[in-house]
Amino acid sequence: MASIALLLSPLIILGFTGVAMALSSGSSPLIASMTNFGANGPAPHGFTEVLYGYTSANGNNGSAFAGFAGAANATTNVYYNWTMGMAMLFGRFAEIIPVLAFGGSLVKKKVVPASLGTFPTTGPLFVGLMIGVIFIVGALTFFPAYALGPIVEQLLMHGGVKF
């Protein structure tokens, strides 16, 4: 249950972003929502706009990034309005179910006295391992998506490409 709760948010964010990018082709309203275009179509910043939109919706904020018009134009962007609403709904309530199930299973456990095989959760080793796991899971989950957007955009700008 802890793994499901941990991986549900990235699944929502990356899933909705991936579908939106797959559907964004030609002159669709999804492309029109991305305000940063290069000479050959949407720049990597457009991907970052969509990724941030779903990340923000999943985090229950729903703000836009750098001119992303996903929610601003309700008549042409019905797709973004609905999917960001679903991301907000899932981000709020779908994560509660495994967390409550995990808490319920912890309540049913019996207290076991500490022994030689018990890993102490009060020392710096535990804190370091916990921070390391959080960092590694976060990096492995979101770094590939960030590499497609802001990192590529920065490298292209250093190469002289203007958007």
Protein backbone atom coordinates (compact mmCIF):
# COMPACT_ATOMS: atom_id res chain seq x y z
CA MET A 1 0.00 0.00 0.00
CA ALA A 2 2.86 2.39 0.70
CA SER A 3 4.31 1.73 -2.76
CA ILE A 4 0.95 2.33 -4.39
CA ALA A 5 0.51 5.60 -2.50
CA LEU A 6 4.07 6.64 -3.43
CA LEU A 7 3.74 5.86 -7.14
CA LEU A 8 0.16 7.02 -7.70
CA SER A 9 0.99 10.72 -7.98
CA PRO A 10 3.76 10.29 -10.60
CA LEU A 11 1.52 7.89 -12.50
CA ILE A 12 -1.24 10.49 -12.65
CA ILE A 13 1.08 13.35 -13.62
CA LEU A 14 3.15 11.50 -16.21
CA GLY A 15 0.18 9.56 -17.57
CA PHE A 16 -1.93 12.63 -18.30
CA THR A 17 1.10 14.51 -19.66
CA GLY A 18 2.02 11.62 -21.95
CA VAL A 19 -1.50 11.31 -23.35
CA ALA A 20 -1.73 15.08 -23.90
CA MET A 21 1.59 15.07 -25.75
CA ALA A 22 0.57 12.08 -27.86
CA LEU A 23 -2.67 13.84 -28.85
CA SER A 24 -0.91 17.15 -29.60
CA SER A 25 -0.31 17.11 -33.32
CA GLY A 26 -0.95 19.44 -36.22
CA SER A 27 -3.23 22.36 -35.45
CA SER A 28 -5.17 20.77 -32.60
CA PRO A 29 -6.45 22.95 -29.74
CA LEU A 30 -3.96 21.16 -27.51
CA ILE A 31 -1.07 22.62 -29.51
CA ALA A 32 -2.71 26.05 -29.49
CA SER A 33 -2.60 25.98 -25.68
CA MET A 34 1.20 25.96 -25.72
CA THR A 35 2.36 29.52 -26.19
CA ASN A 36 6.05 28.90 -26.88
CA PHE A 37 6.63 27.83 -30.45
CA GLY A 38 9.86 27.34 -32.29
CA ALA A 39 10.41 27.58 -36.02
CA ASN A 40 9.28 23.96 -36.46
CA GLY A 41 6.38 23.87 -33.99
CA PRO A 42 6.16 23.63 -30.22
CA ALA A 43 9.43 24.07 -28.40
CA PRO A 44 10.47 21.93 -25.44
CA HIS A 45 8.99 24.66 -23.25
CA GLY A 46 5.54 23.60 -24.45
CA PHE A 47 6.13 20.15 -22.96
CA THR A 48 7.22 21.80 -19.71
CA GLU A 49 4.03 23.89 -19.69
CA VAL A 50 1.86 20.78 -19.95
CA LEU A 51 3.96 18.84 -17.40
CA TYR A 52 3.73 21.71 -14.93
CA GLY A 53 -0.01 22.07 -15.54
CA TYR A 54 -0.69 18.45 -14.58
CA THR A 55 1.80 18.56 -11.71
CA SER A 56 0.08 21.64 -10.34
CA ALA A 57 -3.37 20.15 -10.79
CA ASN A 58 -2.29 16.94 -9.06
CA GLY A 59 -0.96 19.03 -6.18
CA ASN A 60 -4.40 20.65 -5.87
CA ASN A 61 -3.32 24.08 -7.09
CA GLY A 62 -4.17 24.16 -10.77
CA SER A 63 -1.98 27.09 -11.75
CA ALA A 64 -0.49 27.61 -15.20
CA PHE A 65 3.14 28.01 -16.21
CA ALA A 66 4.58 30.58 -18.63
CA GLY A 67 1.44 31.36 -20.56
CA PHE A 68 -0.04 27.87 -20.76
CA ALA A 69 -3.64 28.42 -21.82
CA GLY A 70 -4.97 25.01 -20.84
CA ALA A 71 -7.59 26.18 -18.40
CA ALA A 72 -7.84 29.82 -19.46
CA ASN A 73 -9.77 29.25 -22.69
CA ALA A 74 -12.72 27.09 -21.68
CA THR A 75 -14.28 26.93 -25.13
CA THR A 76 -11.35 25.48 -27.08
CA ASN A 77 -9.54 23.53 -24.38
CA VAL A 78 -12.21 21.22 -23.07
CA TYR A 79 -9.67 18.39 -23.03
CA TYR A 80 -7.29 20.19 -20.67
CA ASN A 81 -10.15 21.37 -18.46
CA TRP A 82 -11.48 17.85 -18.02
CA THR A 83 -8.18 16.06 -17.66
CA MET A 84 -6.71 18.60 -15.25
CA GLY A 85 -9.91 18.34 -13.23
CA MET A 86 -9.52 14.56 -13.17
CA ALA A 87 -5.85 14.90 -12.19
CA MET A 88 -6.90 17.17 -9.35
CA LEU A 89 -9.63 14.76 -8.25
CA PHE A 90 -7.36 11.72 -8.42
CA GLY A 91 -4.50 13.59 -6.77
CA ARG A 92 -6.77 14.49 -3.90
CA PHE A 93 -8.79 11.36 -3.31
CA ALA A 94 -7.15 8.38 -5.02
CA GLU A 95 -4.07 8.67 -2.82
CA ILE A 96 -6.17 8.64 0.34
CA ILE A 97 -7.35 5.04 -0.17
CA PRO A 98 -3.94 3.28 -0.01
CA VAL A 99 -2.79 5.60 2.81
CA LEU A 100 -5.86 4.72 4.88
CA ALA A 101 -5.39 1.02 4.13
CA PHE A 102 -1.74 1.28 5.15
CA GLY A 103 -2.70 3.06 8.38
CA GLY A 104 -5.33 0.40 9.09
CA SER A 105 -2.78 -2.37 8.70
CA LEU A 106 -0.42 -0.57 11.08
CA VAL A 107 -3.16 -0.30 13.70
CA LYS A 108 -3.70 -4.07 13.60
CA LYS A 109 -0.01 -4.89 14.16
CA LYS A 110 1.08 -6.00 17.57
CA VAL A 111 3.83 -4.15 19.38
CA VAL A 112 7.07 -6.14 19.31
CA PRO A 113 9.83 -5.26 21.75
CA ALA A 114 13.12 -4.09 20.31
CA SER A 115 15.80 -6.73 19.81
CA LEU A 116 19.13 -7.15 18.03
CA GLY A 117 17.37 -7.42 14.67
CA THR A 118 15.43 -4.18 15.10
CA PHE A 119 16.47 -1.28 12.88
CA PRO A 120 16.44 1.92 14.96
CA THR A 121 14.40 4.73 13.44
CA THR A 122 15.79 7.49 15.64
CA GLY A 123 19.37 7.79 14.44
CA PRO A 124 21.12 9.62 11.62
CA LEU A 125 21.48 6.39 9.59
CA PHE A 126 17.71 6.08 9.27
CA VAL A 127 17.34 9.77 8.42
CA GLY A 128 20.06 9.51 5.75
CA LEU A 129 18.52 6.38 4.23
CA MET A 130 15.05 7.93 4.18
CA ILE A 131 16.26 11.12 2.50
CA GLY A 132 18.28 9.06 0.01
CA VAL A 133 15.29 6.88 -0.92
CA ILE A 134 13.04 9.92 -1.35
CA PHE A 135 15.63 11.64 -3.54
CA ILE A 136 16.33 8.54 -5.66
CA VAL A 137 12.65 7.70 -6.22
CA GLY A 138 11.86 11.33 -7.09
CA ALA A 139 14.83 11.59 -9.43
CA LEU A 140 14.10 8.32 -11.21
CA THR A 141 10.44 9.24 -11.58
CA PHE A 142 10.66 12.80 -12.88
CA PHE A 143 14.16 13.34 -14.25
CA PRO A 144 13.42 11.77 -17.67
CA ALA A 145 10.46 14.13 -18.09
CA TYR A 146 12.53 17.12 -17.00
CA ALA A 147 15.23 16.06 -19.45
CA LEU A 148 12.68 16.33 -22.27
CA GLY A 149 11.58 19.84 -21.33
CA PRO A 150 13.70 22.38 -19.47
CA ILE A 151 17.05 20.66 -19.85
CA VAL A 152 16.69 20.24 -23.62
CA GLU A 153 15.47 23.83 -23.88
CA GLN A 154 18.50 25.10 -21.98
CA LEU A 155 20.91 23.07 -24.12
CA LEU A 156 19.26 24.30 -27.32
CA MET A 157 19.42 27.91 -26.15
CA HIS A 158 23.14 27.51 -25.46
CA GLY A 159 23.43 26.15 -28.99
CA GLY A 160 21.92 29.32 -30.39
CA VAL A 161 18.38 28.06 -31.07
CA LYS A 162 15.78 30.71 -30.24
CA PHE A 163 12.17 30.02 -29.40
